[in-house]
Amino acid sequence: MKLFGARAGRPGIAASAHEAPEPAPDCALCPRLAAFRRANRSAYPAFHNAPVPSFGPLAARFLVVGLAPGLKGANRTGRPFTGDYAGTLLYGSLIRHGFAHGAYGAAIDDGLALVDCRITNAVRCVPPENKPVPAEIAACNPFLGAEIAAMGGLRAILALGAIAHDAVLTALEVKRSRHRFAHGAEHPLADGLALFDSYHCSRLNTNTGRLTEAMFDQVMAGIRRQIDGSD
């Protein structure tokens, strides 16, 4: 069976069914992000202030890919989408659709657990103004590629926003021109894998009505069908 480049493994990236590489706490691949991280350690010494590791089991069939940690969200707590508004919508929907159980308490010790689901970001470190530049997205992409390679049972990926969508396609070595980002779109790929798109569940998008809870739940329902159909 032919695999995507990322799922077959990339040179210089060690990945197996039991682990996926994460950036070092003092990762220096992106000088601007490293400098911002150092400044935040001085300004907010109680924050995580390091690359935010993925959350959830590698054996999961569903992967959520966001943009990057928020300064006072995941960068503070050390868990993706935890501590800011985006997490309220994301984790609430995951619970409703059976991909998580417990209660989201906006804290890493809230006891919430993911079910057949894993969450990561295209960029693992918090960027200034929540805007990573192309070089930073590219520098972090091998980590995403290795993570996808390590998820042998993966059947669905949810990209939150166009940057995450493009990062996934790059990690899979799939031409972007074949799969344009559009909210609610489903992109069948190879090996039974499908890429789903949604606008990012940020407060900006929900406050402006660009993304509603019903719209987000509709995307999640499609992912649920994809997962259930692969049983």
C-alpha atoms as a PDB file:
ATOM      1  CA  MET A   1       0.000   0.000   0.000  1.00  0.00           C
ATOM      2  CA  LYS A   2       1.426   3.372  -0.989  1.00  0.00           C
ATOM      3  CA  LEU A   3       1.808   5.858   1.840  1.00  0.00           C
ATOM      4  CA  PHE A   4       2.213   9.610   1.811  1.00  0.00           C
ATOM      5  CA  GLY A   5       5.776  10.775   2.354  1.00  0.00           C
ATOM      6  CA  ALA A   6       5.019  11.940   5.884  1.00  0.00           C
ATOM      7  CA  ARG A   7       3.253   8.745   6.840  1.00  0.00           C
ATOM      8  CA  ALA A   8       6.122   6.659   5.469  1.00  0.00           C
ATOM      9  CA  GLY A   9       8.602   8.686   7.555  1.00  0.00           C
ATOM     10  CA  ARG A  10      10.857  11.615   6.655  1.00  0.00           C
ATOM     11  CA  PRO A  11      14.668  11.688   6.619  1.00  0.00           C
ATOM     12  CA  GLY A  12      16.033  12.905   9.950  1.00  0.00           C
ATOM     13  CA  ILE A  13      12.728  12.435  11.754  1.00  0.00           C
ATOM     14  CA  ALA A  14      12.409   9.396  13.980  1.00  0.00           C
ATOM     15  CA  ALA A  15       8.812   8.296  14.410  1.00  0.00           C
ATOM     16  CA  SER A  16       7.169   5.061  15.410  1.00  0.00           C
ATOM     17  CA  ALA A  17       3.788   3.819  16.522  1.00  0.00           C
ATOM     18  CA  HIS A  18       4.863   4.518  20.098  1.00  0.00           C
ATOM     19  CA  GLU A  19       6.258   8.036  19.930  1.00  0.00           C
ATOM     20  CA  ALA A  20       6.427  11.221  17.928  1.00  0.00           C
ATOM     21  CA  PRO A  21       9.190  13.814  18.299  1.00  0.00           C
ATOM     22  CA  GLU A  22       8.412  17.107  20.005  1.00  0.00           C
ATOM     23  CA  PRO A  23      10.465  20.335  19.866  1.00  0.00           C
ATOM     24  CA  ALA A  24      12.910  20.762  22.722  1.00  0.00           C
ATOM     25  CA  PRO A  25      11.855  23.171  25.500  1.00  0.00           C
ATOM     26  CA  ASP A  26      14.464  25.650  24.272  1.00  0.00           C
ATOM     27  CA  CYS A  27      13.959  24.983  20.554  1.00  0.00           C
ATOM     28  CA  ALA A  28      15.937  27.528  18.538  1.00  0.00           C
ATOM     29  CA  LEU A  29      14.658  26.714  15.042  1.00  0.00           C
ATOM     30  CA  CYS A  30      12.762  30.015  14.883  1.00  0.00           C
ATOM     31  CA  PRO A  31      14.809  32.932  16.295  1.00  0.00           C
ATOM     32  CA  ARG A  32      11.815  35.291  16.518  1.00  0.00           C
ATOM     33  CA  LEU A  33       9.727  32.755  18.439  1.00  0.00           C
ATOM     34  CA  ALA A  34      12.654  31.852  20.705  1.00  0.00           C
ATOM     35  CA  ALA A  35      13.149  35.541  21.551  1.00  0.00           C
ATOM     36  CA  PHE A  36       9.424  35.983  22.210  1.00  0.00           C
ATOM     37  CA  ARG A  37       9.469  32.921  24.440  1.00  0.00           C
ATOM     38  CA  ARG A  38      12.368  34.334  26.465  1.00  0.00           C
ATOM     39  CA  ALA A  39      10.555  37.646  26.869  1.00  0.00           C
ATOM     40  CA  ASN A  40       7.425  35.850  28.052  1.00  0.00           C
ATOM     41  CA  ARG A  41       9.405  33.891  30.613  1.00  0.00           C
ATOM     42  CA  SER A  42      10.386  37.208  32.159  1.00  0.00           C
ATOM     43  CA  ALA A  43       6.922  38.754  31.858  1.00  0.00           C
ATOM     44  CA  TYR A  44       4.951  35.644  32.859  1.00  0.00           C
ATOM     45  CA  PRO A  45       7.252  33.348  34.865  1.00  0.00           C
ATOM     46  CA  ALA A  46       4.384  31.089  35.939  1.00  0.00           C
ATOM     47  CA  PHE A  47       3.390  30.305  32.322  1.00  0.00           C
ATOM     48  CA  HIS A  48       4.441  27.191  30.396  1.00  0.00           C
ATOM     49  CA  ASN A  49       6.436  29.376  27.956  1.00  0.00           C
ATOM     50  CA  ALA A  50       7.777  26.526  25.813  1.00  0.00           C
ATOM     51  CA  PRO A  51       6.699  24.537  22.757  1.00  0.00           C
ATOM     52  CA  VAL A  52       3.296  23.069  23.581  1.00  0.00           C
ATOM     53  CA  PRO A  53       3.215  19.275  23.224  1.00  0.00           C
ATOM     54  CA  SER A  54       0.382  17.445  21.534  1.00  0.00           C
ATOM     55  CA  PHE A  55      -2.492  16.151  23.655  1.00  0.00           C
ATOM     56  CA  GLY A  56      -4.135  12.758  23.263  1.00  0.00           C
ATOM     57  CA  PRO A  57      -3.131   9.224  22.264  1.00  0.00           C
ATOM     58  CA  LEU A  58      -1.022   8.457  19.198  1.00  0.00           C
ATOM     59  CA  ALA A  59      -3.311   5.488  18.540  1.00  0.00           C
ATOM     60  CA  ALA A  60      -6.180   7.918  17.859  1.00  0.00           C
ATOM     61  CA  ARG A  61      -7.934   7.859  14.490  1.00  0.00           C
ATOM     62  CA  PHE A  62      -8.713  11.595  14.624  1.00  0.00           C
ATOM     63  CA  LEU A  63      -6.216  14.472  14.695  1.00  0.00           C
ATOM     64  CA  VAL A  64      -7.125  18.137  15.242  1.00  0.00           C
ATOM     65  CA  VAL A  65      -4.561  20.626  13.883  1.00  0.00           C
ATOM     66  CA  GLY A  66      -4.739  24.236  15.028  1.00  0.00           C
ATOM     67  CA  LEU A  67      -2.578  27.228  14.168  1.00  0.00           C
ATOM     68  CA  ALA A  68      -0.394  27.965  17.215  1.00  0.00           C
ATOM     69  CA  PRO A  69      -0.663  28.334  21.009  1.00  0.00           C
ATOM     70  CA  GLY A  70      -2.339  31.459  22.319  1.00  0.00           C
ATOM     71  CA  LEU A  71      -0.254  33.651  24.627  1.00  0.00           C
ATOM     72  CA  LYS A  72      -2.586  33.311  27.605  1.00  0.00           C
ATOM     73  CA  GLY A  73      -4.140  30.038  26.486  1.00  0.00           C
ATOM     74  CA  ALA A  74      -1.962  27.032  25.641  1.00  0.00           C
ATOM     75  CA  ASN A  75       1.258  28.998  26.173  1.00  0.00           C
ATOM     76  CA  ARG A  76       0.081  29.577  29.739  1.00  0.00           C
ATOM     77  CA  THR A  77      -1.285  26.122  30.526  1.00  0.00           C
ATOM     78  CA  GLY A  78       0.886  23.836  28.385  1.00  0.00           C
ATOM     79  CA  ARG A  79      -2.036  22.008  26.738  1.00  0.00           C
ATOM     80  CA  PRO A  80      -3.407  22.811  23.251  1.00  0.00           C
ATOM     81  CA  PHE A  81      -6.539  24.995  23.211  1.00  0.00           C
ATOM     82  CA  THR A  82      -6.638  25.197  27.004  1.00  0.00           C
ATOM     83  CA  GLY A  83      -7.212  28.469  28.803  1.00  0.00           C
ATOM     84  CA  ASP A  84      -8.796  30.641  26.118  1.00  0.00           C
ATOM     85  CA  TYR A  85     -12.157  30.860  24.341  1.00  0.00           C
ATOM     86  CA  ALA A  86     -11.189  28.603  21.441  1.00  0.00           C
ATOM     87  CA  GLY A  87     -10.920  25.696  23.855  1.00  0.00           C
ATOM     88  CA  THR A  88     -14.469  26.215  25.107  1.00  0.00           C
ATOM     89  CA  LEU A  89     -15.910  25.649  21.639  1.00  0.00           C
ATOM     90  CA  LEU A  90     -13.461  22.919  20.598  1.00  0.00           C
ATOM     91  CA  TYR A  91     -13.614  20.770  23.717  1.00  0.00           C
ATOM     92  CA  GLY A  92     -17.352  21.266  24.088  1.00  0.00           C
ATOM     93  CA  SER A  93     -17.886  19.931  20.584  1.00  0.00           C
ATOM     94  CA  LEU A  94     -15.452  17.046  21.101  1.00  0.00           C
ATOM     95  CA  ILE A  95     -17.403  16.019  24.206  1.00  0.00           C
ATOM     96  CA  ARG A  96     -20.736  16.233  22.403  1.00  0.00           C
ATOM     97  CA  HIS A  97     -19.486  14.005  19.584  1.00  0.00           C
ATOM     98  CA  GLY A  98     -17.836  11.389  21.772  1.00  0.00           C
ATOM     99  CA  PHE A  99     -14.210  12.399  21.198  1.00  0.00           C
ATOM    100  CA  ALA A 100     -13.656  13.474  24.807  1.00  0.00           C
ATOM    101  CA  HIS A 101     -15.107  12.851  28.240  1.00  0.00           C
ATOM    102  CA  GLY A 102     -15.081  14.793  31.466  1.00  0.00           C
ATOM    103  CA  ALA A 103     -15.536  18.526  31.808  1.00  0.00           C
ATOM    104  CA  TYR A 104     -13.406  21.212  30.223  1.00  0.00           C
ATOM    105  CA  GLY A 105     -12.140  23.404  33.043  1.00  0.00           C
ATOM    106  CA  ALA A 106      -9.681  25.512  31.034  1.00  0.00           C
ATOM    107  CA  ALA A 107      -6.799  24.008  33.033  1.00  0.00           C
ATOM    108  CA  ILE A 108      -4.360  21.201  32.347  1.00  0.00           C
ATOM    109  CA  ASP A 109      -5.491  19.382  35.509  1.00  0.00           C
ATOM    110  CA  ASP A 110      -9.240  19.566  34.785  1.00  0.00           C
ATOM    111  CA  GLY A 111      -9.380  15.798  34.237  1.00  0.00           C
ATOM    112  CA  LEU A 112     -10.680  16.030  30.675  1.00  0.00           C
ATOM    113  CA  ALA A 113      -9.536  13.085  28.527  1.00  0.00           C
ATOM    114  CA  LEU A 114      -9.613  12.645  24.767  1.00  0.00           C
ATOM    115  CA  VAL A 115     -11.190   9.556  23.187  1.00  0.00           C
ATOM    116  CA  ASP A 116      -9.762   8.347  19.852  1.00  0.00           C
ATOM    117  CA  CYS A 117      -8.594  11.933  19.299  1.00  0.00           C
ATOM    118  CA  ARG A 118      -5.333  13.889  19.456  1.00  0.00           C
ATOM    119  CA  ILE A 119      -4.767  17.656  19.243  1.00  0.00           C
ATOM    120  CA  THR A 120      -1.723  19.541  18.000  1.00  0.00           C
ATOM    121  CA  ASN A 121      -0.748  22.796  16.277  1.00  0.00           C
ATOM    122  CA  ALA A 122       0.964  23.617  12.998  1.00  0.00           C
ATOM    123  CA  VAL A 123       3.355  25.818  15.024  1.00  0.00           C
ATOM    124  CA  ARG A 124       4.204  24.631  18.530  1.00  0.00           C
ATOM    125  CA  CYS A 125       5.393  27.957  20.034  1.00  0.00           C
ATOM    126  CA  VAL A 126       3.328  31.068  20.662  1.00  0.00           C
ATOM    127  CA  PRO A 127       3.966  33.731  17.986  1.00  0.00           C
ATOM    128  CA  PRO A 128       3.720  37.504  18.500  1.00  0.00           C
ATOM    129  CA  GLU A 129       0.172  38.720  17.789  1.00  0.00           C
ATOM    130  CA  ASN A 130      -0.841  35.087  17.131  1.00  0.00           C
ATOM    131  CA  LYS A 131       0.683  35.332  13.642  1.00  0.00           C
ATOM    132  CA  PRO A 132       3.478  32.920  12.695  1.00  0.00           C
ATOM    133  CA  VAL A 133       5.409  33.807   9.551  1.00  0.00           C
ATOM    134  CA  PRO A 134       5.883  31.330   6.663  1.00  0.00           C
ATOM    135  CA  ALA A 135       9.444  30.413   7.692  1.00  0.00           C
ATOM    136  CA  GLU A 136       8.224  29.461  11.182  1.00  0.00           C
ATOM    137  CA  ILE A 137       5.398  27.323   9.797  1.00  0.00           C
ATOM    138  CA  ALA A 138       7.911  25.578   7.540  1.00  0.00           C
ATOM    139  CA  ALA A 139      10.401  25.024  10.363  1.00  0.00           C
ATOM    140  CA  CYS A 140       7.778  23.316  12.507  1.00  0.00           C
ATOM    141  CA  ASN A 141       6.247  21.250   9.700  1.00  0.00           C
ATOM    142  CA  PRO A 142       8.579  18.230  10.116  1.00  0.00           C
ATOM    143  CA  PHE A 143       7.181  17.748  13.623  1.00  0.00           C
ATOM    144  CA  LEU A 144       3.668  17.617  12.197  1.00  0.00           C
ATOM    145  CA  GLY A 145       4.795  15.239   9.470  1.00  0.00           C
ATOM    146  CA  ALA A 146       6.439  12.914  11.968  1.00  0.00           C
ATOM    147  CA  GLU A 147       3.383  12.994  14.191  1.00  0.00           C
ATOM    148  CA  ILE A 148       1.097  12.006  11.324  1.00  0.00           C
ATOM    149  CA  ALA A 149       3.568   9.263  10.407  1.00  0.00           C
ATOM    150  CA  ALA A 150       3.384   7.900  13.954  1.00  0.00           C
ATOM    151  CA  MET A 151      -0.432   7.764  13.912  1.00  0.00           C
ATOM    152  CA  GLY A 152      -0.834   4.507  12.037  1.00  0.00           C
ATOM    153  CA  GLY A 153      -4.597   4.297  12.471  1.00  0.00           C
ATOM    154  CA  LEU A 154      -5.346   7.880  11.452  1.00  0.00           C
ATOM    155  CA  ARG A 155      -8.583   8.300   9.463  1.00  0.00           C
ATOM    156  CA  ALA A 156      -9.563  11.974   9.845  1.00  0.00           C
ATOM    157  CA  ILE A 157      -7.719  15.261  10.257  1.00  0.00           C
ATOM    158  CA  LEU A 158      -9.502  18.500  11.134  1.00  0.00           C
ATOM    159  CA  ALA A 159      -7.661  21.633  10.022  1.00  0.00           C
ATOM    160  CA  LEU A 160      -8.712  24.749  11.909  1.00  0.00           C
ATOM    161  CA  GLY A 161      -8.090  27.507   9.402  1.00  0.00           C
ATOM    162  CA  ALA A 162      -6.267  27.817   6.089  1.00  0.00           C
ATOM    163  CA  ILE A 163      -2.764  27.836   7.586  1.00  0.00           C
ATOM    164  CA  ALA A 164      -3.377  24.549   9.391  1.00  0.00           C
ATOM    165  CA  HIS A 165      -4.941  23.141   6.203  1.00  0.00           C
ATOM    166  CA  ASP A 166      -1.875  24.026   4.146  1.00  0.00           C
ATOM    167  CA  ALA A 167       0.477  22.719   6.857  1.00  0.00           C
ATOM    168  CA  VAL A 168      -1.266  19.334   6.814  1.00  0.00           C
ATOM    169  CA  LEU A 169      -1.017  19.062   3.030  1.00  0.00           C
ATOM    170  CA  THR A 170       2.662  20.022   3.160  1.00  0.00           C
ATOM    171  CA  ALA A 171       3.297  17.402   5.843  1.00  0.00           C
ATOM    172  CA  LEU A 172       1.555  14.806   3.673  1.00  0.00           C
ATOM    173  CA  GLU A 173       3.402  15.985   0.541  1.00  0.00           C
ATOM    174  CA  VAL A 174       0.114  16.618  -1.250  1.00  0.00           C
ATOM    175  CA  LYS A 175      -0.226  19.513  -3.705  1.00  0.00           C
ATOM    176  CA  ARG A 176      -2.235  22.364  -2.212  1.00  0.00           C
ATOM    177  CA  SER A 177      -3.793  23.171  -5.580  1.00  0.00           C
ATOM    178  CA  ARG A 178      -5.716  19.898  -5.451  1.00  0.00           C
ATOM    179  CA  HIS A 179      -7.382  20.701  -2.145  1.00  0.00           C
ATOM    180  CA  ARG A 180      -8.439  24.306  -1.509  1.00  0.00           C
ATOM    181  CA  PHE A 181      -9.431  25.334   2.002  1.00  0.00           C
ATOM    182  CA  ALA A 182     -13.134  25.967   2.527  1.00  0.00           C
ATOM    183  CA  HIS A 183     -15.147  25.784   5.707  1.00  0.00           C
ATOM    184  CA  GLY A 184     -17.084  22.521   5.817  1.00  0.00           C
ATOM    185  CA  ALA A 185     -15.068  20.949   3.007  1.00  0.00           C
ATOM    186  CA  GLU A 186     -14.082  17.291   3.143  1.00  0.00           C
ATOM    187  CA  HIS A 187     -11.024  16.235   1.141  1.00  0.00           C
ATOM    188  CA  PRO A 188     -10.627  12.479   0.558  1.00  0.00           C
ATOM    189  CA  LEU A 189      -6.924  11.683   0.429  1.00  0.00           C
ATOM    190  CA  ALA A 190      -5.206   8.285   0.196  1.00  0.00           C
ATOM    191  CA  ASP A 191      -5.193   5.219   2.425  1.00  0.00           C
ATOM    192  CA  GLY A 192      -8.673   5.936   3.809  1.00  0.00           C
ATOM    193  CA  LEU A 193      -7.653   9.312   5.233  1.00  0.00           C
ATOM    194  CA  ALA A 194      -9.813  12.441   4.908  1.00  0.00           C
ATOM    195  CA  LEU A 195      -8.997  16.079   5.651  1.00  0.00           C
ATOM    196  CA  PHE A 196     -11.843  18.220   7.023  1.00  0.00           C
ATOM    197  CA  ASP A 197     -11.793  22.029   7.105  1.00  0.00           C
ATOM    198  CA  SER A 198     -13.288  24.490   9.569  1.00  0.00           C
ATOM    199  CA  TYR A 199     -12.797  28.120  10.324  1.00  0.00           C
ATOM    200  CA  HIS A 200     -10.697  28.454  13.443  1.00  0.00           C
ATOM    201  CA  CYS A 201     -12.780  28.348  16.627  1.00  0.00           C
ATOM    202  CA  SER A 202     -11.401  31.676  17.839  1.00  0.00           C
ATOM    203  CA  ARG A 203     -13.393  34.328  19.663  1.00  0.00           C
ATOM    204  CA  LEU A 204     -12.944  36.637  16.675  1.00  0.00           C
ATOM    205  CA  ASN A 205     -14.654  34.195  14.319  1.00  0.00           C
ATOM    206  CA  THR A 206     -17.479  33.388  16.716  1.00  0.00           C
ATOM    207  CA  ASN A 207     -18.096  37.003  17.761  1.00  0.00           C
ATOM    208  CA  THR A 208     -18.432  38.051  14.125  1.00  0.00           C
ATOM    209  CA  GLY A 209     -20.734  35.128  13.300  1.00  0.00           C
ATOM    210  CA  ARG A 210     -18.276  33.705  10.788  1.00  0.00           C
ATOM    211  CA  LEU A 211     -18.332  30.490  12.796  1.00  0.00           C
ATOM    212  CA  THR A 212     -21.235  29.355  14.965  1.00  0.00           C
ATOM    213  CA  GLU A 213     -21.491  26.403  17.316  1.00  0.00           C
ATOM    214  CA  ALA A 214     -23.942  24.771  14.911  1.00  0.00           C
ATOM    215  CA  MET A 215     -21.529  25.179  11.993  1.00  0.00           C
ATOM    216  CA  PHE A 216     -18.694  23.676  14.007  1.00  0.00           C
ATOM    217  CA  ASP A 217     -20.841  20.787  15.206  1.00  0.00           C
ATOM    218  CA  GLN A 218     -21.809  20.042  11.610  1.00  0.00           C
ATOM    219  CA  VAL A 219     -18.146  19.600  10.689  1.00  0.00           C
ATOM    220  CA  MET A 220     -17.588  17.443  13.761  1.00  0.00           C
ATOM    221  CA  ALA A 221     -20.585  15.276  12.825  1.00  0.00           C
ATOM    222  CA  GLY A 222     -18.994  14.587   9.434  1.00  0.00           C
ATOM    223  CA  ILE A 223     -15.793  13.517  11.164  1.00  0.00           C
ATOM    224  CA  ARG A 224     -17.780  11.262  13.464  1.00  0.00           C
ATOM    225  CA  ARG A 225     -19.305   9.558  10.406  1.00  0.00           C
ATOM    226  CA  GLN A 226     -15.856   9.160   8.834  1.00  0.00           C
ATOM    227  CA  ILE A 227     -14.502   7.541  12.003  1.00  0.00           C
ATOM    228  CA  ASP A 228     -17.520   5.298  12.530  1.00  0.00           C
ATOM    229  CA  GLY A 229     -17.406   4.211   8.897  1.00  0.00           C
ATOM    230  CA  SER A 230     -13.829   2.999   9.311  1.00  0.00           C
ATOM    231  CA  ASP A 231     -14.740   0.555  12.106  1.00  0.00           C
END
